[in-house]
PDB file of N, CA and C in Angstrom:
ATOM      1  N   MET A   1       5.168  17.138   5.784  1.00  0.00           N
ATOM      2  CA  MET A   1       6.007  16.561   4.760  1.00  0.00           C
ATOM      3  C   MET A   1       5.354  16.844   3.410  1.00  0.00           C
ATOM      4  N   GLU A   2       6.170  17.200   2.425  1.00  0.00           N
ATOM      5  CA  GLU A   2       5.647  17.531   1.113  1.00  0.00           C
ATOM      6  C   GLU A   2       6.455  16.809   0.045  1.00  0.00           C
ATOM      7  N   ILE A   3       5.742  16.134  -0.818  1.00  0.00           N
ATOM      8  CA  ILE A   3       6.376  15.398  -1.905  1.00  0.00           C
ATOM      9  C   ILE A   3       5.771  15.892  -3.216  1.00  0.00           C
ATOM     10  N   GLY A   4       6.606  16.335  -4.132  1.00  0.00           N
ATOM     11  CA  GLY A   4       6.119  16.750  -5.436  1.00  0.00           C
ATOM     12  C   GLY A   4       5.142  17.907  -5.400  1.00  0.00           C
ATOM     13  N   GLY A   5       5.254  18.787  -4.409  1.00  0.00           N
ATOM     14  CA  GLY A   5       4.391  19.952  -4.342  1.00  0.00           C
ATOM     15  C   GLY A   5       3.018  19.684  -3.757  1.00  0.00           C
ATOM     16  N   VAL A   6       2.771  18.476  -3.315  1.00  0.00           N
ATOM     17  CA  VAL A   6       1.463  18.136  -2.752  1.00  0.00           C
ATOM     18  C   VAL A   6       1.621  17.917  -1.255  1.00  0.00           C
ATOM     19  N   ALA A   7       0.820  18.623  -0.470  1.00  0.00           N
ATOM     20  CA  ALA A   7       0.875  18.455   0.982  1.00  0.00           C
ATOM     21  C   ALA A   7       0.355  17.065   1.333  1.00  0.00           C
ATOM     22  N   ASN A   8       1.032  16.401   2.212  1.00  0.00           N
ATOM     23  CA  ASN A   8       0.671  15.044   2.596  1.00  0.00           C
ATOM     24  C   ASN A   8       0.482  14.961   4.104  1.00  0.00           C
ATOM     25  N   ILE A   9       0.229  13.788   4.570  1.00  0.00           N
ATOM     26  CA  ILE A   9       0.002  13.567   5.994  1.00  0.00           C
ATOM     27  C   ILE A   9       1.274  13.888   6.791  1.00  0.00           C
ATOM     28  N   THR A  10       1.095  14.513   7.928  1.00  0.00           N
ATOM     29  CA  THR A  10       2.243  14.857   8.768  1.00  0.00           C
ATOM     30  C   THR A  10       2.629  13.657   9.632  1.00  0.00           C
ATOM     31  N   PRO A  11       3.877  13.618  10.087  1.00  0.00           N
ATOM     32  CA  PRO A  11       4.275  12.540  10.988  1.00  0.00           C
ATOM     33  C   PRO A  11       3.425  12.529  12.268  1.00  0.00           C
ATOM     34  N   GLU A  12       3.065  13.723  12.744  1.00  0.00           N
ATOM     35  CA  GLU A  12       2.233  13.797  13.952  1.00  0.00           C
ATOM     36  C   GLU A  12       0.858  13.155  13.719  1.00  0.00           C
ATOM     37  N   LYS A  13       0.287  13.401  12.545  1.00  0.00           N
ATOM     38  CA  LYS A  13      -1.013  12.807  12.213  1.00  0.00           C
ATOM     39  C   LYS A  13      -0.873  11.304  12.060  1.00  0.00           C
ATOM     40  N   ALA A  14       0.238  10.856  11.484  1.00  0.00           N
ATOM     41  CA  ALA A  14       0.479   9.420  11.335  1.00  0.00           C
ATOM     42  C   ALA A  14       0.568   8.749  12.705  1.00  0.00           C
ATOM     43  N   VAL A  15       1.269   9.395  13.643  1.00  0.00           N
ATOM     44  CA  VAL A  15       1.370   8.854  15.003  1.00  0.00           C
ATOM     45  C   VAL A  15      -0.025   8.724  15.607  1.00  0.00           C
ATOM     46  N   GLU A  16      -0.842   9.743  15.425  1.00  0.00           N
ATOM     47  CA  GLU A  16      -2.211   9.746  15.961  1.00  0.00           C
ATOM     48  C   GLU A  16      -3.050   8.624  15.351  1.00  0.00           C
ATOM     49  N   ILE A  17      -2.983   8.471  14.038  1.00  0.00           N
ATOM     50  CA  ILE A  17      -3.751   7.426  13.353  1.00  0.00           C
ATOM     51  C   ILE A  17      -3.296   6.047  13.802  1.00  0.00           C
ATOM     52  N   LEU A  18      -1.980   5.844  13.851  1.00  0.00           N
ATOM     53  CA  LEU A  18      -1.462   4.540  14.265  1.00  0.00           C
ATOM     54  C   LEU A  18      -1.820   4.234  15.713  1.00  0.00           C
ATOM     55  N   LYS A  19      -1.768   5.242  16.582  1.00  0.00           N
ATOM     56  CA  LYS A  19      -2.114   5.040  17.995  1.00  0.00           C
ATOM     57  C   LYS A  19      -3.561   4.595  18.139  1.00  0.00           C
ATOM     58  N   LYS A  20      -4.465   5.193  17.350  1.00  0.00           N
ATOM     59  CA  LYS A  20      -5.886   4.808  17.384  1.00  0.00           C
ATOM     60  C   LYS A  20      -6.074   3.354  16.978  1.00  0.00           C
ATOM     61  N   ASN A  21      -5.122   2.830  16.207  1.00  0.00           N
ATOM     62  CA  ASN A  21      -5.202   1.453  15.733  1.00  0.00           C
ATOM     63  C   ASN A  21      -4.271   0.515  16.497  1.00  0.00           C
ATOM     64  N   GLY A  22      -3.854   0.968  17.694  1.00  0.00           N
ATOM     65  CA  GLY A  22      -3.104   0.109  18.598  1.00  0.00           C
ATOM     66  C   GLY A  22      -1.618  -0.011  18.333  1.00  0.00           C
ATOM     67  N   MET A  23      -1.053   0.935  17.584  1.00  0.00           N
ATOM     68  CA  MET A  23       0.373   0.856  17.271  1.00  0.00           C
ATOM     69  C   MET A  23       1.065   2.126  17.759  1.00  0.00           C
ATOM     70  N   GLN A  24       2.051   1.982  18.625  1.00  0.00           N
ATOM     71  CA  GLN A  24       2.760   3.141  19.168  1.00  0.00           C
ATOM     72  C   GLN A  24       4.071   3.329  18.427  1.00  0.00           C
ATOM     73  N   VAL A  25       4.252   4.508  17.834  1.00  0.00           N
ATOM     74  CA  VAL A  25       5.495   4.839  17.147  1.00  0.00           C
ATOM     75  C   VAL A  25       5.909   6.244  17.537  1.00  0.00           C
ATOM     76  N   THR A  26       7.191   6.524  17.400  1.00  0.00           N
ATOM     77  CA  THR A  26       7.691   7.866  17.667  1.00  0.00           C
ATOM     78  C   THR A  26       7.512   8.720  16.408  1.00  0.00           C
ATOM     79  N   ILE A  27       7.714  10.016  16.553  1.00  0.00           N
ATOM     80  CA  ILE A  27       7.642  10.921  15.409  1.00  0.00           C
ATOM     81  C   ILE A  27       8.689  10.510  14.372  1.00  0.00           C
ATOM     82  N   GLU A  28       9.889  10.186  14.813  1.00  0.00           N
ATOM     83  CA  GLU A  28      10.955   9.777  13.892  1.00  0.00           C
ATOM     84  C   GLU A  28      10.577   8.496  13.153  1.00  0.00           C
ATOM     85  N   GLN A  29      10.003   7.543  13.852  1.00  0.00           N
ATOM     86  CA  GLN A  29       9.562   6.313  13.198  1.00  0.00           C
ATOM     87  C   GLN A  29       8.453   6.610  12.189  1.00  0.00           C
ATOM     88  N   ALA A  30       7.545   7.495  12.552  1.00  0.00           N
ATOM     89  CA  ALA A  30       6.460   7.873  11.642  1.00  0.00           C
ATOM     90  C   ALA A  30       7.023   8.521  10.383  1.00  0.00           C
ATOM     91  N   LYS A  31       8.054   9.354  10.532  1.00  0.00           N
ATOM     92  CA  LYS A  31       8.700   9.977   9.365  1.00  0.00           C
ATOM     93  C   LYS A  31       9.261   8.901   8.439  1.00  0.00           C
ATOM     94  N   GLN A  32       9.918   7.912   9.020  1.00  0.00           N
ATOM     95  CA  GLN A  32      10.501   6.835   8.212  1.00  0.00           C
ATOM     96  C   GLN A  32       9.416   6.010   7.526  1.00  0.00           C
ATOM     97  N   ILE A  33       8.343   5.726   8.231  1.00  0.00           N
ATOM     98  CA  ILE A  33       7.225   4.976   7.653  1.00  0.00           C
ATOM     99  C   ILE A  33       6.630   5.751   6.474  1.00  0.00           C
ATOM    100  N   LEU A  34       6.409   7.048   6.669  1.00  0.00           N
ATOM    101  CA  LEU A  34       5.831   7.872   5.611  1.00  0.00           C
ATOM    102  C   LEU A  34       6.757   7.965   4.405  1.00  0.00           C
ATOM    103  N   GLU A  35       8.048   8.132   4.639  1.00  0.00           N
ATOM    104  CA  GLU A  35       9.001   8.185   3.532  1.00  0.00           C
ATOM    105  C   GLU A  35       8.940   6.895   2.718  1.00  0.00           C
ATOM    106  N   PHE A  36       8.882   5.767   3.407  1.00  0.00           N
ATOM    107  CA  PHE A  36       8.791   4.480   2.723  1.00  0.00           C
ATOM    108  C   PHE A  36       7.500   4.382   1.913  1.00  0.00           C
ATOM    109  N   LEU A  37       6.392   4.770   2.506  1.00  0.00           N
ATOM    110  CA  LEU A  37       5.111   4.679   1.810  1.00  0.00           C
ATOM    111  C   LEU A  37       5.057   5.598   0.592  1.00  0.00           C
ATOM    112  N   TYR A  38       5.621   6.810   0.716  1.00  0.00           N
ATOM    113  CA  TYR A  38       5.648   7.727  -0.426  1.00  0.00           C
ATOM    114  C   TYR A  38       6.513   7.161  -1.552  1.00  0.00           C
ATOM    115  N   LYS A  39       7.656   6.562  -1.198  1.00  0.00           N
ATOM    116  CA  LYS A  39       8.514   5.952  -2.211  1.00  0.00           C
ATOM    117  C   LYS A  39       7.802   4.785  -2.886  1.00  0.00           C
ATOM    118  N   LEU A  40       7.130   3.964  -2.094  1.00  0.00           N
ATOM    119  CA  LEU A  40       6.390   2.827  -2.627  1.00  0.00           C
ATOM    120  C   LEU A  40       5.278   3.296  -3.567  1.00  0.00           C
ATOM    121  N   ALA A  41       4.573   4.344  -3.186  1.00  0.00           N
ATOM    122  CA  ALA A  41       3.513   4.890  -4.033  1.00  0.00           C
ATOM    123  C   ALA A  41       4.087   5.422  -5.343  1.00  0.00           C
ATOM    124  N   LYS A  42       5.217   6.105  -5.262  1.00  0.00           N
ATOM    125  CA  LYS A  42       5.860   6.660  -6.459  1.00  0.00           C
ATOM    126  C   LYS A  42       6.275   5.540  -7.412  1.00  0.00           C
ATOM    127  N   ILE A  43       6.855   4.485  -6.877  1.00  0.00           N
ATOM    128  CA  ILE A  43       7.266   3.344  -7.695  1.00  0.00           C
ATOM    129  C   ILE A  43       6.043   2.686  -8.330  1.00  0.00           C
ATOM    130  N   THR A  44       5.005   2.507  -7.551  1.00  0.00           N
ATOM    131  CA  THR A  44       3.780   1.877  -8.045  1.00  0.00           C
ATOM    132  C   THR A  44       3.177   2.689  -9.181  1.00  0.00           C
ATOM    133  N   LEU A  45       3.100   4.000  -9.008  1.00  0.00           N
ATOM    134  CA  LEU A  45       2.548   4.851 -10.058  1.00  0.00           C
ATOM    135  C   LEU A  45       3.422   4.835 -11.301  1.00  0.00           C
ATOM    136  N   SER A  46       4.721   4.789 -11.118  1.00  0.00           N
ATOM    137  CA  SER A  46       5.646   4.734 -12.242  1.00  0.00           C
ATOM    138  C   SER A  46       5.442   3.452 -13.040  1.00  0.00           C
ATOM    139  N   ILE A  47       5.340   2.340 -12.361  1.00  0.00           N
ATOM    140  CA  ILE A  47       5.116   1.054 -13.022  1.00  0.00           C
ATOM    141  C   ILE A  47       3.778   1.059 -13.737  1.00  0.00           C
ATOM    142  N   TYR A  48       2.763   1.572 -13.091  1.00  0.00           N
ATOM    143  CA  TYR A  48       1.437   1.650 -13.686  1.00  0.00           C
ATOM    144  C   TYR A  48       1.466   2.493 -14.962  1.00  0.00           C
ATOM    145  N   ALA A  49       2.140   3.638 -14.913  1.00  0.00           N
ATOM    146  CA  ALA A  49       2.226   4.523 -16.066  1.00  0.00           C
ATOM    147  C   ALA A  49       2.974   3.865 -17.222  1.00  0.00           C
ATOM    148  N   GLU A  50       4.002   3.100 -16.918  1.00  0.00           N
ATOM    149  CA  GLU A  50       4.765   2.402 -17.960  1.00  0.00           C
ATOM    150  C   GLU A  50       3.940   1.329 -18.651  1.00  0.00           C
ATOM    151  N   ASN A  51       3.031   0.713 -17.915  1.00  0.00           N
ATOM    152  CA  ASN A  51       2.240  -0.386 -18.444  1.00  0.00           C
ATOM    153  C   ASN A  51       0.871   0.028 -18.961  1.00  0.00           C
ATOM    154  N   SER A  52       0.559   1.304 -18.916  1.00  0.00           N
ATOM    155  CA  SER A  52      -0.725   1.779 -19.421  1.00  0.00           C
ATOM    156  C   SER A  52      -0.664   1.922 -20.935  1.00  0.00           C
ATOM    157  N   PRO A  53      -1.771   1.559 -21.593  1.00  0.00           N
ATOM    158  CA  PRO A  53      -1.790   1.676 -23.067  1.00  0.00           C
ATOM    159  C   PRO A  53      -1.777   3.111 -23.538  1.00  0.00           C
TER     160      PRO A  53
END
């Protein structure tokens, strides 16, 4: 998955990381989780940039 030209974690890697931490998800679920996290990060950075002096 690539957002804004920057290579990011793959859904397969997310599944692997989550499995190591006791959470079982499908590739499709991992894609949805990653999409949400990328959107959340984008919003957070946008808010931070707006409030920076």
